[in-house]
Protein backbone atom coordinates (compact mmCIF):
# COMPACT_ATOMS: atom_id res chain seq x y z
CA MET A 1 65.57 258.10 145.25
CA GLU A 2 62.48 260.10 146.21
CA ALA A 3 61.71 260.92 142.65
CA TRP A 4 62.55 257.23 141.55
CA LEU A 5 60.29 255.80 144.17
CA ALA A 6 57.40 258.08 143.19
CA LEU A 7 57.22 256.72 139.69
CA PRO A 8 54.83 253.73 139.11
CA GLY A 9 56.65 250.55 139.28
CA ASP A 10 56.49 249.74 135.56
CA ASP A 11 57.89 253.07 134.63
CA ARG A 12 60.85 253.01 136.80
CA PRO A 13 64.19 253.08 135.04
CA GLU A 14 67.20 251.30 136.51
CA ARG A 15 67.66 251.86 140.19
CA PRO A 16 69.95 255.03 140.90
CA ALA A 17 73.44 254.07 141.80
CA ALA A 18 74.43 255.08 145.46
CA PRO A 19 76.47 258.26 145.74
CA VAL A 20 80.16 257.88 146.36
CA GLN A 21 80.92 258.12 150.09
CA PRO A 22 83.36 260.78 151.26
CA GLU A 23 86.69 259.72 152.38
CA THR A 24 87.51 262.75 154.30
CA PRO A 25 86.82 262.27 158.02
CA VAL A 26 84.29 264.65 159.61
CA THR A 27 85.40 267.00 162.30
CA ILE A 28 82.64 268.61 164.18
CA GLY A 29 83.12 272.24 164.63
CA ASP A 30 81.98 274.58 167.32
CA PRO A 31 79.82 275.16 165.33
CA VAL A 32 81.89 275.80 162.23
CA TRP A 33 85.44 275.63 163.21
CA CYS A 34 87.13 273.26 165.89
CA SER A 35 88.83 275.38 168.66
CA ARG A 36 92.39 274.82 167.26
CA CYS A 37 91.46 276.02 163.76
CA ALA A 38 89.60 279.08 165.30
CA ARG A 39 92.84 279.91 167.36
CA MET A 40 95.01 279.53 164.23
CA ILE A 41 92.83 281.92 162.31
CA GLU A 42 92.70 284.51 165.07
CA GLY A 43 96.42 284.41 165.57
CA ALA A 44 96.89 284.80 161.62
CA LEU A 45 94.53 287.68 161.46
CA ARG A 46 96.14 289.44 164.36
CA ARG A 47 99.55 289.37 162.58
CA LEU A 48 98.31 289.93 159.00
CA ASP A 49 98.78 293.60 159.01
CA ASP A 50 102.54 293.16 160.40
CA ASP A 51 103.15 290.53 157.73
CA ALA A 52 101.91 292.77 155.13
CA ALA A 53 104.07 295.73 156.47
CA VAL A 54 107.23 293.59 156.08
CA VAL A 55 106.20 292.91 152.46
CA ALA A 56 105.55 296.45 151.80
CA ALA A 57 109.01 297.37 153.14
CA ASN A 58 110.44 295.53 150.14
CA VAL A 59 109.03 298.26 147.78
CA ASP A 60 111.70 300.55 146.88
CA GLY A 61 109.75 303.17 145.09
CA TYR A 62 110.73 302.27 141.55
CA ARG A 63 108.58 300.05 139.61
CA GLY A 64 110.26 296.94 138.38
CA ALA A 65 113.46 297.55 140.28
CA ALA A 66 115.20 294.89 142.35
CA ILE A 67 117.59 295.64 145.31
CA ALA A 68 118.67 293.88 148.36
CA GLY A 69 115.94 294.00 150.92
CA PRO A 70 115.34 292.80 154.51
CA ASN A 71 117.22 289.70 155.59
CA GLY A 72 119.47 290.10 152.59
CA GLN A 73 116.63 289.15 150.32
CA ARG A 74 116.36 290.69 146.91
CA ALA A 75 113.27 293.10 146.81
CA ARG A 76 110.35 291.91 144.71
CA ASP A 77 108.84 293.77 141.76
CA HIS A 78 107.12 296.87 142.94
CA LYS A 79 103.98 296.25 140.76
CA ALA A 80 103.60 292.63 142.22
CA ILE A 81 103.71 293.73 145.82
CA VAL A 82 101.45 296.65 145.32
CA GLU A 83 98.89 294.26 143.51
CA THR A 84 99.23 291.69 146.33
CA LEU A 85 98.58 294.06 149.08
CA ASP A 86 95.58 295.68 147.19
CA ASP A 87 94.08 292.29 146.76
CA LEU A 88 94.65 291.69 150.57
CA PHE A 89 92.92 295.14 151.43
CA GLY A 90 90.02 294.03 149.06
CA THR A 91 89.59 290.83 151.03
CA LEU A 92 89.48 292.55 154.36
CA VAL A 93 87.17 295.45 153.47
CA GLU A 94 84.80 292.98 151.55
CA THR A 95 84.46 290.87 154.69
CA GLU A 96 84.06 294.01 156.90
CA ASP A 97 81.24 295.25 154.75
CA GLN A 98 79.51 291.87 154.79
CA TRP A 99 79.77 291.40 158.55
CA ARG A 100 78.68 295.09 159.07
CA ALA A 101 75.52 294.44 156.90
CA ALA A 102 74.78 291.10 158.56
CA ARG A 103 74.93 292.51 162.09
CA GLY A 104 73.13 295.79 161.27
CA TYR A 105 76.25 297.93 161.99
CA PRO A 106 76.85 301.19 160.42
CA PRO A 107 78.56 301.15 156.99
CA ARG A 108 82.37 301.33 156.82
CA THR A 109 83.81 304.68 156.77
CA GLN A 110 85.23 305.22 153.32
CA ARG A 111 88.95 305.49 153.17
CA GLY A 112 91.93 305.08 150.79
CA ARG A 113 93.55 301.97 149.99
CA GLY A 114 96.78 302.47 151.92
CA ALA A 115 98.48 300.90 154.71
CA HIS A 116 96.51 302.90 157.33
CA ALA A 117 93.27 301.78 155.70
CA ARG A 118 94.44 298.09 155.83
CA MET A 119 95.49 298.33 159.43
CA VAL A 120 92.08 299.77 160.52
CA SER A 121 90.15 297.14 158.70
CA ALA A 122 92.15 294.28 160.09
CA ALA A 123 91.97 295.62 163.58
CA TRP A 124 88.12 296.01 163.24
CA LEU A 125 87.95 292.43 162.02
CA CYS A 126 90.12 291.23 164.95
CA GLY A 127 87.56 292.72 167.32
CA GLN A 128 84.81 290.77 165.57
CA ILE A 129 86.60 287.60 164.72
CA GLY A 130 85.16 285.44 167.62
CA ASP A 131 81.51 285.99 166.45
CA ILE A 132 82.61 285.76 162.72
CA LEU A 133 83.91 282.25 163.15
CA LEU A 134 80.61 281.23 164.60
CA HIS A 135 78.77 282.09 161.31
CA PRO A 136 78.46 279.30 158.70
CA GLY A 137 79.75 281.72 156.07
CA SER A 138 83.00 282.27 157.78
CA VAL A 139 84.59 279.24 156.00
CA THR A 140 85.64 281.26 153.11
CA PHE A 141 87.22 283.98 155.14
CA GLY A 142 88.96 281.77 157.56
CA LEU A 143 90.71 279.79 154.87
CA ALA A 144 91.59 283.08 153.11
CA VAL A 145 93.18 284.40 156.25
CA LEU A 146 95.41 281.25 156.59
CA LYS A 147 96.32 281.48 152.79
CA TRP A 148 97.24 285.19 153.10
CA GLN A 149 99.45 284.44 156.11
CA ARG A 150 101.45 281.80 153.90
CA THR A 151 101.50 284.18 151.09
CA LEU A 152 102.78 287.25 152.83
CA ARG A 153 105.45 285.33 154.86
CA ALA A 154 106.73 283.57 151.73
CA MET A 155 106.94 287.04 149.96
CA GLY A 156 108.43 288.81 153.11
CA LYS A 157 110.60 285.83 154.19
CA THR A 158 110.10 287.24 157.73
CA GLU A 159 111.27 284.43 159.84
CA PRO A 160 114.65 282.60 160.15
CA ALA A 161 114.58 278.92 160.15
CA ASN A 162 115.26 278.70 163.97
CA ALA A 163 112.25 281.11 164.80
CA ARG A 164 109.82 278.12 165.54
CA SER A 165 110.28 276.60 168.83
CA PRO A 166 109.79 272.83 169.16
CA ILE A 167 107.55 273.10 172.36
CA CYS A 168 103.81 272.89 172.67
CA CYS A 169 102.12 275.98 174.00
CA PRO A 170 101.39 275.52 177.75
CA ARG A 171 98.18 277.05 177.37
CA CYS A 172 96.56 275.62 174.25
CA SER A 173 98.83 272.75 173.46
CA ASP A 174 99.43 273.77 169.76
CA ARG A 175 102.89 273.68 168.39
CA GLN A 176 102.92 277.33 167.15
CA VAL A 177 105.38 279.03 169.41
CA ARG A 178 107.81 281.32 167.85
CA ARG A 179 110.75 283.60 169.19
CA LYS A 180 110.03 287.40 168.70
CA ASP A 181 112.61 289.92 167.95
CA ASP A 182 112.14 291.32 171.59
CA GLY A 183 113.39 287.97 173.18
CA TYR A 184 109.87 286.86 174.16
CA TYR A 185 108.36 283.57 172.77
CA GLU A 186 104.63 283.92 171.59
CA CYS A 187 102.21 281.26 170.71
CA GLU A 188 100.61 282.18 167.34
CA SER A 189 97.35 280.35 168.15
CA CYS A 190 96.44 281.68 171.39
CA GLY A 191 98.81 284.66 171.89
CA ARG A 192 100.52 283.23 175.05
CA LEU A 193 103.77 285.04 175.89
CA LEU A 194 106.73 283.38 177.39
CA THR A 195 110.06 284.74 178.66
CA GLN A 196 113.29 282.99 177.66
CA ARG A 197 113.36 281.33 181.20
CA GLU A 198 109.73 280.17 180.98
CA HIS A 199 110.33 278.83 177.56
CA ASP A 200 113.44 277.06 178.75
CA ASP A 201 111.64 275.49 181.75
CA GLU A 202 108.83 274.46 179.53
CA TYR A 203 111.19 272.75 176.99
CA ALA A 204 112.86 271.01 179.78
CA ARG A 205 109.47 269.70 181.30
CA GLN A 206 108.09 268.51 177.92
CA ALA A 207 111.41 266.77 177.16
CA ASP A 208 111.25 264.94 180.42
CA GLU A 209 107.52 263.94 179.72
CA HIS A 210 108.53 262.70 176.31
CA ASP A 211 111.43 260.65 177.68
CA HIS A 212 109.12 259.17 180.36
CA GLU A 213 106.46 258.23 177.68
CA GLN A 214 109.20 256.70 175.61
CA GLN A 215 110.42 254.53 178.47
CA GLU A 216 106.88 253.42 179.57
CA ALA A 217 106.27 252.42 175.89
CA HIS A 218 109.37 250.22 175.78
CA ALA A 219 108.88 248.87 179.08
């Protein structure tokens, strides 16, 4: 419009059409991510190496072989798993290198591309994730972390269908509480741990609240 208005009146072409208005509602971040998304990304990043380790356990040492793996699932192709984990490592170290440069930290120590190197890079990023998510350039990385979580869990099939609890976390209110192998329940958004008794008490409390709200709605 500025260029169109700058032209003499007789030389102006047809008035430019107004741009199409976006339909996606705007959610103000803090300053980039809302608190819920930030918690989900942090939780996913904390567990990314564990999810990768489960996928790596399906590698039987023979390229192209397929045998029964964890949870009765057939092991995936060795090459596909190795390439996936290598891509994950590349995402982690690329972000680590970029953040070190942005903050003026010493360069990353060069290390191999195995499980230990992946764990070290993921742990370093976990220590920095709070500040990283405040940076405007964190959008790509945050979305990548969530995508990697979905990819690895789909490949590893790490969770039975009943692992997710229906309750909302009593700390952050997100519905991301899952049962762990040690019998505890953990919120994947904020890390809150619940014993079996605490979980059952919270389940009963939230069920009572839901029933009360339903009764008021139909009163």
